[in-house]
Amino acid sequence: MASDNWLTRFTLSDRDRWIGGVCGGLGEHTPVPSWSWRLLFVLFFIFFGTGLLVYILMWIFVPRNHASD
């Protein structure tokens, strides 16, 4: 089993962040740009009411990137 899973390396972004760095971190670790993740979270919040809850939970439980670049 390959241990090169992006979820094991997923951290909040320190460079591309507006509020908590969740979407910036997703943008850094996936091929999808961070603005698309932001739009997706907003759309999920507007249409399903879950986007904000998922964002807050990820902000709490995903570790921050402490690497100094």
Foldseek 3Di string as FASTA:
>chain_A
DDPPDLVVVQAFDPPDDDDQRNLVSVCVSDVDHSVVVVVVLVVCCVPPVCSVVVVVVCSPPGHHDPDDD
